Amino acid sequence: MRQICRDYGLSHHTVAKMLENVEPPGYQQGQGERPRPKLGPFLGVIDQIPLVPLAVLKKSLLASFDLRDASGASLPVVPREIDSFFAWSFLCARAGNALNQSAISLPRIIRSHIKKIVSDFPDEDDEQFRTPVNTWDRKEVWPQTVTEIWDKLLASDDFTGFLTDFTFNYILLSQLAPQPAVQIVKFSHQQSPNLNRASFSELLSFSTPEFQIEAPSIGWGRSYHFQVEPSQEMTVTGIYLVRRKMIDEEVITDDVYDVQISNGFAQIHTTNSIKPANYQVKLLMRIAIPGYLRSLWLSTVIAALLLVFGEIYLHRLQTAAQSRAEAAVALLLVAPSLITAYLVRPGEHAIASSLMRILRYIGGISGLLTYAAAAVLVLGYKNESLRHIWICLTDLAIFDACIFTIGINETRRDIKSVGNLIGWTFQDNVIEVPIDPPRKQFFRFYKCRSGTEVQPGEST
């Protein structure tokens, strides 16, 4: 018996049970109360008030989270341990369905591994829409039969889809009174999107910056309402709902959702007709023209015009500099740079600052060109050397002004287009996109619109 334990790596208790029973004895748990160290303290609360799943939220700390019913009363949120328990039970049931067996018959190792996945945060290198997922990797050596069962589960699209959901998200549960049977529950929390992999054309305002916001709750509840409130420096120019799938190219589906863009916010509303999947909200935003972008543009244009006129009347400037009027000439030329100095203001939103960074560099260069032109006059450069230096400075200033002119024209066109839709509610189609789509795939503007537009103030 000891030799068998050493050769097969089994406990002597396991070998003793095998010798006592010719056939597997099956489930031997007694009728007594099974210890539940995690869930046990909450069983009394669960029995008194039913727990209702409301949404699926990303595994992160929620800022300014608020959950209320239709009357405005605050609703409690259950601890994260119970959320994880429900997700674990759900995934075990889906695993049993994938293997055509009951959840309790799953190997204990697999059930423990699923519990660890839903309870812990994903690895830092993991992304929801990219494979492989490092969090799913086995951290220890499993028996061959258990490994084969796990590989079979990962080959099931149904199981891996839900496993992905609960690797990166969790179920939001709340305690609701059993009466009335139908209740309206609203929850809200703040989320600041990041501008990921911004292209150079986006930073120059040649194209519309795109923000990707995860929306895992869509399809899980009766309805889903998503509202974007940009900072005062930004303007929303487009908002779309996309579904990420393992496909080769973009597909327009028959699923529709409601969209409303107004001054200061944009909204998306879906109903339970949309099935649960991996959804993202594509948000397009521009720097508001009345703010810093227009100031920078005016600064670079003024600098370019001054250098152009200075090139035309270069002989007079040279004569004035020789008559010791260089201070007045320098003051005239550095005026645009003084405007640029006041563009960086405290309290600016982080997204606006990141989008304006390259433009501010260009505006600063334009201001430095006027300083350089004034320095050339003061240092006494004459004739051809002065003309060559001045031409180079003028060309650079014109190039900077052209960049800002193109950027502000593209921004004005987008803002003008969305201005025609402010206050209206319309329907758009959900788009299925590949897991790793190429950049700029979503830079369309309100195409594939269907349904009837609703007047401002009417309900949808």
Protein backbone atom coordinates (compact mmCIF):
# COMPACT_ATOMS: atom_id res chain seq x y z
CA MET A 1 0.00 0.00 0.00
CA ARG A 2 2.86 2.35 0.76
CA GLN A 3 4.41 1.54 -2.60
CA ILE A 4 1.15 2.44 -4.37
CA CYS A 5 0.99 5.77 -2.48
CA ARG A 6 4.55 6.60 -3.48
CA ASP A 7 4.18 5.58 -7.14
CA TYR A 8 0.86 7.36 -7.80
CA GLY A 9 1.18 10.26 -5.37
CA LEU A 10 -1.98 9.34 -3.47
CA SER A 11 -2.88 9.66 0.17
CA HIS A 12 -3.11 6.43 2.17
CA HIS A 13 -6.70 7.45 3.08
CA THR A 14 -7.58 7.55 -0.63
CA VAL A 15 -6.03 4.15 -1.27
CA ALA A 16 -7.87 2.73 1.77
CA LYS A 17 -11.20 3.97 0.38
CA MET A 18 -10.40 2.41 -3.01
CA LEU A 19 -9.72 -0.96 -1.34
CA GLU A 20 -12.94 -0.78 0.67
CA ASN A 21 -15.21 0.10 -2.28
CA VAL A 22 -15.17 -1.78 -5.57
CA GLU A 23 -17.29 1.00 -7.16
CA PRO A 24 -17.02 4.73 -6.36
CA PRO A 25 -19.29 5.31 -3.35
CA GLY A 26 -20.60 8.66 -4.65
CA TYR A 27 -21.42 11.70 -2.58
CA GLN A 28 -20.98 10.93 1.13
CA GLN A 29 -21.71 14.30 2.76
CA GLY A 30 -23.77 13.86 5.89
CA GLN A 31 -27.11 15.44 6.63
CA GLY A 32 -25.66 17.77 9.25
CA GLU A 33 -25.06 21.46 8.74
CA ARG A 34 -22.08 22.03 6.46
CA PRO A 35 -19.68 24.74 7.70
CA ARG A 36 -19.79 27.93 5.60
CA PRO A 37 -17.11 30.30 6.89
CA LYS A 38 -17.63 32.93 4.20
CA LEU A 39 -21.35 32.88 3.48
CA GLY A 40 -22.53 31.73 6.92
CA PRO A 41 -22.68 35.18 8.61
CA PHE A 42 -24.92 36.49 5.82
CA LEU A 43 -27.41 33.61 5.57
CA GLY A 44 -29.87 35.19 7.96
CA VAL A 45 -29.92 38.43 5.96
CA ILE A 46 -30.30 36.55 2.69
CA ASP A 47 -33.28 34.59 4.01
CA GLN A 48 -35.09 37.73 5.20
CA ILE A 49 -34.76 39.96 2.11
CA PRO A 50 -34.21 38.55 -1.38
CA LEU A 51 -31.10 39.55 -3.30
CA VAL A 52 -31.69 40.88 -6.80
CA PRO A 53 -28.94 41.17 -9.46
CA LEU A 54 -29.05 44.67 -10.94
CA ALA A 55 -26.05 45.01 -13.22
CA VAL A 56 -22.55 43.87 -14.09
CA LEU A 57 -19.84 46.38 -13.19
CA LYS A 58 -16.12 46.49 -13.77
CA LYS A 59 -13.88 45.26 -10.95
CA SER A 60 -12.68 48.62 -9.68
CA LEU A 61 -13.35 51.08 -6.94
CA LEU A 62 -16.57 52.99 -7.64
CA ALA A 63 -16.51 56.77 -7.23
CA SER A 64 -19.66 58.59 -6.08
CA PHE A 65 -21.74 55.41 -6.30
CA ASP A 66 -25.46 55.94 -5.69
CA LEU A 67 -28.25 53.34 -5.71
CA ARG A 68 -31.88 54.43 -5.24
CA ASP A 69 -35.39 53.25 -5.97
CA ALA A 70 -38.13 55.12 -7.82
CA SER A 71 -39.11 57.10 -4.71
CA GLY A 72 -35.55 58.32 -4.21
CA ALA A 73 -34.83 56.17 -1.18
CA SER A 74 -31.32 54.79 -0.87
CA LEU A 75 -30.89 51.03 -1.37
CA PRO A 76 -28.23 48.84 0.28
CA VAL A 77 -25.50 47.08 -1.67
CA VAL A 78 -24.40 43.66 -0.46
CA PRO A 79 -20.73 42.91 0.31
CA ARG A 80 -18.40 41.86 -2.48
CA GLU A 81 -18.06 38.36 -0.98
CA ILE A 82 -21.70 37.60 -1.74
CA ASP A 83 -21.34 39.05 -5.25
CA SER A 84 -18.44 36.69 -5.86
CA PHE A 85 -20.41 33.76 -4.46
CA PHE A 86 -23.27 34.36 -6.89
CA ALA A 87 -20.87 34.71 -9.84
CA TRP A 88 -19.08 31.51 -8.78
CA SER A 89 -22.36 29.58 -8.52
CA PHE A 90 -23.44 30.85 -11.93
CA LEU A 91 -20.17 29.87 -13.61
CA CYS A 92 -20.21 26.41 -12.03
CA ALA A 93 -23.72 25.89 -13.41
CA ARG A 94 -22.58 27.02 -16.90
CA ALA A 95 -19.57 24.69 -16.65
CA GLY A 96 -21.87 21.80 -15.77
CA ASN A 97 -24.07 22.60 -18.77
CA ALA A 98 -21.04 22.67 -21.05
CA LEU A 99 -20.00 19.22 -19.79
CA ASN A 100 -23.58 17.83 -19.64
CA GLN A 101 -23.33 17.15 -15.93
CA SER A 102 -24.31 18.75 -12.64
CA ALA A 103 -22.25 21.55 -11.09
CA ILE A 104 -21.60 19.52 -7.92
CA SER A 105 -19.91 16.81 -9.99
CA LEU A 106 -17.21 19.19 -11.23
CA PRO A 107 -13.74 18.42 -9.86
CA ARG A 108 -13.00 20.33 -6.69
CA ILE A 109 -9.85 21.80 -8.24
CA ILE A 110 -11.83 23.39 -11.08
CA ARG A 111 -14.47 24.77 -8.74
CA SER A 112 -11.76 26.28 -6.53
CA HIS A 113 -10.02 27.77 -9.56
CA ILE A 114 -13.26 29.37 -10.81
CA LYS A 115 -13.88 30.78 -7.34
CA LYS A 116 -10.43 32.34 -7.29
CA ILE A 117 -10.98 33.89 -10.73
CA VAL A 118 -14.27 35.58 -9.80
CA SER A 119 -13.04 36.70 -6.36
CA ASP A 120 -9.69 38.23 -7.33
CA PHE A 121 -8.80 41.09 -9.63
CA PRO A 122 -7.42 40.15 -13.06
CA ASP A 123 -3.71 40.32 -13.80
CA GLU A 124 -2.39 43.75 -14.77
CA ASP A 125 -1.41 42.51 -18.25
CA ASP A 126 -4.85 41.06 -19.01
CA GLU A 127 -7.30 42.87 -21.29
CA GLN A 128 -10.94 41.92 -21.62
CA PHE A 129 -10.95 41.77 -25.40
CA ARG A 130 -7.66 40.00 -25.93
CA THR A 131 -6.55 36.42 -25.41
CA PRO A 132 -4.93 34.60 -23.74
CA VAL A 133 -6.11 35.64 -20.28
CA ASN A 134 -3.30 35.08 -17.80
CA THR A 135 -5.75 34.92 -14.90
CA TRP A 136 -7.11 31.63 -16.26
CA ASP A 137 -3.71 29.91 -16.19
CA ARG A 138 -3.27 27.07 -13.75
CA LYS A 139 -0.90 28.05 -10.98
CA GLU A 140 -0.06 24.48 -10.04
CA VAL A 141 0.19 21.07 -11.67
CA TRP A 142 -3.19 19.44 -12.13
CA PRO A 143 -3.95 15.77 -12.76
CA GLN A 144 -4.27 14.92 -16.43
CA THR A 145 -8.01 14.22 -16.26
CA VAL A 146 -8.72 17.57 -14.56
CA THR A 147 -6.57 19.41 -17.11
CA GLU A 148 -8.52 17.83 -19.96
CA ILE A 149 -11.82 18.90 -18.38
CA TRP A 150 -10.58 22.50 -17.98
CA ASP A 151 -9.35 22.63 -21.58
CA LYS A 152 -12.73 21.36 -22.72
CA LEU A 153 -14.45 24.14 -20.77
CA LEU A 154 -12.18 26.79 -22.31
CA ALA A 155 -13.11 25.44 -25.75
CA SER A 156 -16.76 26.22 -25.04
CA ASP A 157 -17.70 29.70 -26.33
CA ASP A 158 -20.66 29.87 -23.96
CA PHE A 159 -18.57 29.19 -20.85
CA THR A 160 -15.58 31.35 -21.83
CA GLY A 161 -17.90 34.25 -22.65
CA PHE A 162 -19.33 34.29 -19.12
CA LEU A 163 -15.92 33.49 -17.63
CA THR A 164 -14.54 36.59 -19.36
CA ASP A 165 -17.40 38.68 -17.97
CA PHE A 166 -16.75 37.65 -14.39
CA THR A 167 -12.96 37.78 -14.69
CA PHE A 168 -13.11 41.53 -15.29
CA ASN A 169 -16.55 42.35 -13.81
CA TYR A 170 -18.75 41.49 -10.87
CA ILE A 171 -22.50 41.28 -10.25
CA LEU A 172 -24.10 44.23 -8.48
CA LEU A 173 -26.58 42.81 -5.96
CA SER A 174 -29.05 44.67 -3.77
CA GLN A 175 -31.66 43.74 -1.21
CA LEU A 176 -35.15 44.60 -2.46
CA ALA A 177 -38.41 44.06 -0.64
CA PRO A 178 -40.63 41.39 -2.25
CA GLN A 179 -43.46 43.91 -2.74
CA PRO A 180 -44.19 45.38 -5.20
CA ALA A 181 -43.32 42.73 -7.76
CA VAL A 182 -41.93 45.28 -10.27
CA GLN A 183 -39.64 48.05 -9.09
CA ILE A 184 -37.63 50.76 -10.76
CA VAL A 185 -34.06 50.89 -9.52
CA LYS A 186 -31.44 53.39 -10.62
CA PHE A 187 -27.73 53.37 -9.88
CA SER A 188 -25.03 55.80 -10.91
CA HIS A 189 -21.28 56.11 -10.50
CA GLN A 190 -18.53 58.19 -11.99
CA GLN A 191 -15.97 56.85 -14.44
CA SER A 192 -13.24 58.88 -16.12
CA PRO A 193 -12.30 57.45 -19.53
CA ASN A 194 -8.71 57.41 -20.68
CA LEU A 195 -7.48 58.48 -24.09
CA ASN A 196 -5.58 55.36 -25.15
CA ARG A 197 -3.18 55.24 -28.07
CA ALA A 198 -4.09 58.69 -29.42
CA SER A 199 -2.75 59.14 -32.93
CA PHE A 200 -0.76 62.17 -34.00
CA SER A 201 -3.64 63.40 -36.16
CA GLU A 202 -5.93 63.30 -33.08
CA LEU A 203 -3.45 65.33 -31.05
CA LEU A 204 -3.30 67.89 -33.88
CA SER A 205 -7.15 67.99 -34.05
CA PHE A 206 -7.07 66.73 -37.66
CA SER A 207 -9.33 63.81 -36.66
CA THR A 208 -11.78 63.23 -33.82
CA PRO A 209 -10.30 61.75 -30.59
CA GLU A 210 -11.96 58.46 -29.66
CA PHE A 211 -12.57 57.22 -26.11
CA GLN A 212 -13.46 53.61 -25.27
CA ILE A 213 -15.66 52.99 -22.22
CA GLU A 214 -16.52 49.48 -21.05
CA ALA A 215 -20.26 48.83 -20.66
CA PRO A 216 -20.59 45.30 -19.20
CA SER A 217 -24.10 45.88 -17.78
CA ILE A 218 -25.80 46.14 -21.16
CA GLY A 219 -28.18 43.23 -21.65
CA TRP A 220 -28.17 42.09 -18.02
CA GLY A 221 -30.96 44.33 -16.73
CA ARG A 222 -34.31 45.46 -18.04
CA SER A 223 -32.74 48.65 -19.38
CA TYR A 224 -29.42 50.44 -19.41
CA HIS A 225 -28.89 54.19 -19.34
CA PHE A 226 -25.44 55.63 -20.04
CA GLN A 227 -24.80 59.37 -19.68
CA VAL A 228 -21.62 61.28 -20.51
CA GLU A 229 -20.98 64.69 -18.97
CA PRO A 230 -17.83 66.17 -20.53
CA SER A 231 -15.82 68.96 -18.93
CA GLN A 232 -16.40 72.54 -20.05
CA GLU A 233 -13.31 72.36 -22.30
CA MET A 234 -14.72 69.39 -24.27
CA THR A 235 -17.68 68.87 -26.62
CA VAL A 236 -19.25 65.49 -27.46
CA THR A 237 -19.47 64.98 -31.24
CA GLY A 238 -20.56 61.34 -31.39
CA ILE A 239 -21.50 58.36 -29.23
CA TYR A 240 -21.93 54.76 -30.44
CA LEU A 241 -22.59 51.32 -28.98
CA VAL A 242 -20.46 48.46 -30.32
CA ARG A 243 -20.34 44.73 -29.57
CA ARG A 244 -16.92 43.02 -29.55
CA LYS A 245 -16.86 39.56 -31.15
CA MET A 246 -14.45 37.15 -32.81
CA ILE A 247 -15.22 38.22 -36.38
CA ASP A 248 -13.13 39.39 -39.32
CA GLU A 249 -14.87 42.64 -40.22
CA GLU A 250 -17.41 45.15 -38.96
CA VAL A 251 -21.08 44.12 -39.16
CA ILE A 252 -24.16 46.32 -38.65
CA THR A 253 -26.79 44.45 -36.61
CA ASP A 254 -30.55 44.86 -36.33
CA ASP A 255 -30.33 45.71 -32.60
CA VAL A 256 -31.15 49.38 -32.00
CA TYR A 257 -30.62 51.77 -29.11
CA ASP A 258 -31.70 55.34 -28.36
CA VAL A 259 -29.26 58.25 -28.52
CA GLN A 260 -29.65 61.82 -27.34
CA ILE A 261 -27.01 64.56 -27.49
CA SER A 262 -27.68 67.82 -25.66
CA ASN A 263 -25.69 70.75 -24.39
CA GLY A 264 -23.44 69.42 -21.67
CA PHE A 265 -24.18 65.68 -21.93
CA ALA A 266 -24.87 62.72 -24.23
CA GLN A 267 -26.98 59.64 -23.47
CA ILE A 268 -27.46 56.05 -24.65
CA HIS A 269 -30.49 53.99 -23.63
CA THR A 270 -31.05 50.28 -24.29
CA THR A 271 -33.82 47.84 -23.41
CA ASN A 272 -33.83 44.12 -22.63
CA SER A 273 -34.12 43.34 -26.36
CA ILE A 274 -30.30 43.57 -26.54
CA LYS A 275 -28.60 40.36 -25.42
CA PRO A 276 -25.67 40.30 -22.97
CA ALA A 277 -22.26 40.46 -24.65
CA ASN A 278 -18.99 42.36 -24.55
CA TYR A 279 -20.07 45.96 -25.19
CA GLN A 280 -18.16 49.19 -25.44
CA VAL A 281 -19.34 52.77 -25.79
CA LYS A 282 -17.35 54.68 -28.41
CA LEU A 283 -17.25 58.33 -27.41
CA LEU A 284 -16.01 61.04 -29.77
CA MET A 285 -15.08 64.39 -28.21
CA ARG A 286 -13.46 67.60 -29.44
CA ILE A 287 -11.78 70.54 -27.76
CA ALA A 288 -14.34 73.37 -27.57
CA ILE A 289 -13.43 76.10 -30.10
CA PRO A 290 -14.44 79.09 -27.92
CA GLY A 291 -11.77 78.06 -25.43
CA TYR A 292 -8.08 77.43 -25.68
CA LEU A 293 -7.99 76.11 -29.25
CA ARG A 294 -9.21 79.40 -30.69
CA SER A 295 -6.79 81.38 -28.51
CA LEU A 296 -3.86 79.30 -29.70
CA TRP A 297 -5.00 79.62 -33.29
CA LEU A 298 -5.22 83.42 -33.04
CA SER A 299 -1.80 83.53 -31.42
CA THR A 300 -0.10 81.55 -34.20
CA VAL A 301 -1.93 83.46 -36.96
CA ILE A 302 -0.91 86.82 -35.47
CA ALA A 303 2.68 85.65 -35.16
CA ALA A 304 2.72 84.48 -38.79
CA LEU A 305 1.18 87.74 -40.05
CA LEU A 306 3.69 89.85 -38.14
CA LEU A 307 6.60 87.89 -39.56
CA VAL A 308 5.12 88.06 -43.08
CA PHE A 309 4.70 91.84 -42.88
CA GLY A 310 8.14 92.06 -41.32
CA GLU A 311 9.57 90.20 -44.33
CA ILE A 312 7.81 92.62 -46.70
CA TYR A 313 9.12 95.68 -44.86
CA LEU A 314 12.39 94.13 -43.76
CA HIS A 315 14.48 97.09 -44.98
CA ARG A 316 12.49 99.50 -42.80
CA LEU A 317 12.84 97.22 -39.80
CA GLN A 318 16.58 97.07 -40.36
CA THR A 319 16.78 100.87 -40.55
CA ALA A 320 14.69 101.23 -37.40
CA ALA A 321 16.92 98.77 -35.57
CA GLN A 322 20.00 100.79 -36.61
CA SER A 323 18.40 103.96 -35.20
CA ARG A 324 18.14 102.26 -31.79
CA ALA A 325 14.41 101.51 -32.01
CA GLU A 326 14.97 97.82 -31.51
CA ALA A 327 13.04 97.78 -28.21
CA ALA A 328 9.82 98.86 -29.93
CA VAL A 329 10.33 96.34 -32.72
CA ALA A 330 10.92 93.54 -30.21
CA LEU A 331 7.82 94.47 -28.22
CA LEU A 332 5.73 94.35 -31.39
CA LEU A 333 7.04 90.95 -32.42
CA VAL A 334 6.72 89.18 -29.06
CA ALA A 335 3.07 90.16 -28.53
CA PRO A 336 1.72 86.77 -29.77
CA SER A 337 3.99 84.93 -27.34
CA LEU A 338 2.46 86.90 -24.45
CA ILE A 339 -0.96 85.57 -25.49
CA THR A 340 0.37 82.01 -25.50
CA ALA A 341 1.77 82.42 -21.97
CA TYR A 342 -1.72 82.82 -20.53
CA LEU A 343 -3.19 79.69 -22.13
CA VAL A 344 -2.11 77.24 -19.42
CA ARG A 345 -4.65 77.70 -16.65
CA PRO A 346 -5.10 75.84 -13.34
CA GLY A 347 -8.06 73.51 -12.98
CA GLU A 348 -8.02 72.23 -16.55
CA HIS A 349 -9.34 68.70 -17.07
CA ALA A 350 -6.69 66.00 -17.53
CA ILE A 351 -8.17 64.80 -20.84
CA ALA A 352 -8.22 68.33 -22.25
CA SER A 353 -4.61 68.81 -21.13
CA SER A 354 -3.48 65.62 -22.87
CA LEU A 355 -5.23 66.60 -26.11
CA MET A 356 -3.82 70.13 -25.98
CA ARG A 357 -0.24 69.16 -25.17
CA ILE A 358 1.09 68.96 -28.75
CA LEU A 359 -0.87 72.06 -29.77
CA ARG A 360 0.61 73.98 -26.85
CA TYR A 361 4.09 72.92 -27.91
CA ILE A 362 3.41 74.23 -31.41
CA GLY A 363 1.97 77.46 -30.00
CA GLY A 364 5.04 77.86 -27.81
CA ILE A 365 7.30 77.34 -30.83
CA SER A 366 5.34 80.03 -32.67
CA GLY A 367 5.94 82.41 -29.77
CA LEU A 368 9.65 81.55 -29.74
CA LEU A 369 9.85 82.40 -33.45
CA THR A 370 8.83 85.98 -32.68
CA TYR A 371 11.47 86.14 -29.96
CA ALA A 372 14.04 84.85 -32.44
CA ALA A 373 13.01 87.47 -35.01
CA ALA A 374 13.35 90.24 -32.44
CA ALA A 375 16.75 88.89 -31.36
CA VAL A 376 17.95 88.89 -34.97
CA LEU A 377 17.12 92.59 -35.26
CA VAL A 378 18.70 93.49 -31.95
CA LEU A 379 21.90 91.54 -32.68
CA GLY A 380 22.42 93.57 -35.84
CA TYR A 381 22.13 91.01 -38.63
CA LYS A 382 22.02 92.79 -42.00
CA ASN A 383 21.30 92.34 -45.69
CA GLU A 384 21.19 88.75 -47.03
CA SER A 385 21.90 87.00 -43.74
CA LEU A 386 18.99 88.86 -42.13
CA ARG A 387 16.71 88.06 -45.05
CA HIS A 388 17.54 84.33 -45.07
CA ILE A 389 16.99 83.99 -41.33
CA TRP A 390 13.75 85.96 -41.52
CA ILE A 391 12.42 83.82 -44.38
CA CYS A 392 13.08 80.63 -42.40
CA LEU A 393 11.31 82.02 -39.33
CA THR A 394 8.38 83.19 -41.45
CA ASP A 395 7.98 79.79 -43.13
CA LEU A 396 7.93 78.02 -39.77
CA ALA A 397 5.35 80.48 -38.42
CA ILE A 398 3.16 79.97 -41.49
CA PHE A 399 3.45 76.18 -41.09
CA ASP A 400 2.34 76.42 -37.45
CA ALA A 401 -0.57 78.66 -38.40
CA CYS A 402 -1.64 76.21 -41.13
CA ILE A 403 -1.66 73.32 -38.65
CA PHE A 404 -3.95 75.24 -36.31
CA THR A 405 -6.16 76.40 -39.17
CA ILE A 406 -6.72 72.84 -40.39
CA GLY A 407 -7.35 71.59 -36.85
CA ILE A 408 -9.84 74.32 -35.99
CA ASN A 409 -11.70 73.85 -39.30
CA GLU A 410 -12.06 70.10 -38.68
CA THR A 411 -13.21 70.77 -35.13
CA ARG A 412 -15.71 73.41 -36.27
CA ARG A 413 -17.14 71.01 -38.88
CA ASP A 414 -17.69 68.23 -36.31
CA ILE A 415 -19.25 70.57 -33.76
CA LYS A 416 -21.50 72.11 -36.41
CA SER A 417 -22.67 68.67 -37.57
CA VAL A 418 -23.59 67.53 -34.08
CA GLY A 419 -25.22 70.89 -33.41
CA ASN A 420 -28.05 69.95 -35.77
CA LEU A 421 -28.88 66.96 -33.53
CA ILE A 422 -28.85 68.68 -30.14
CA GLY A 423 -32.09 68.04 -28.27
CA TRP A 424 -33.30 65.28 -30.61
CA THR A 425 -33.67 61.60 -29.72
CA PHE A 426 -33.00 59.08 -32.47
CA GLN A 427 -32.11 55.42 -32.91
CA ASP A 428 -28.86 53.91 -34.11
CA ASN A 429 -27.78 50.33 -34.81
CA VAL A 430 -25.43 48.26 -32.68
CA ILE A 431 -22.25 47.44 -34.60
CA GLU A 432 -20.34 44.20 -34.16
CA VAL A 433 -16.60 44.75 -34.48
CA PRO A 434 -13.55 42.49 -34.33
CA ILE A 435 -11.77 41.98 -31.03
CA ASP A 436 -8.73 43.91 -32.29
CA PRO A 437 -10.11 46.37 -34.87
CA PRO A 438 -7.78 48.64 -36.84
CA ARG A 439 -7.49 52.24 -35.73
CA LYS A 440 -9.98 54.74 -37.10
CA GLN A 441 -12.54 52.04 -37.81
CA PHE A 442 -15.21 53.93 -35.86
CA PHE A 443 -14.64 57.37 -37.34
CA ARG A 444 -17.95 57.60 -39.10
CA PHE A 445 -20.56 60.18 -38.26
CA TYR A 446 -24.08 59.00 -37.43
CA LYS A 447 -24.50 56.55 -40.26
CA CYS A 448 -26.82 53.55 -40.32
CA ARG A 449 -29.46 55.48 -38.42
CA SER A 450 -32.89 53.90 -38.33
CA GLY A 451 -36.24 54.49 -36.73
CA THR A 452 -38.09 57.70 -36.05
CA GLU A 453 -36.65 60.85 -34.52
CA VAL A 454 -38.40 62.18 -31.44
CA GLN A 455 -38.99 65.85 -30.76
CA PRO A 456 -37.16 67.37 -27.77
CA GLY A 457 -39.02 66.74 -24.58
CA GLU A 458 -40.85 63.64 -25.78
CA SER A 459 -40.17 60.26 -24.22
CA THR A 460 -38.78 57.32 -26.13
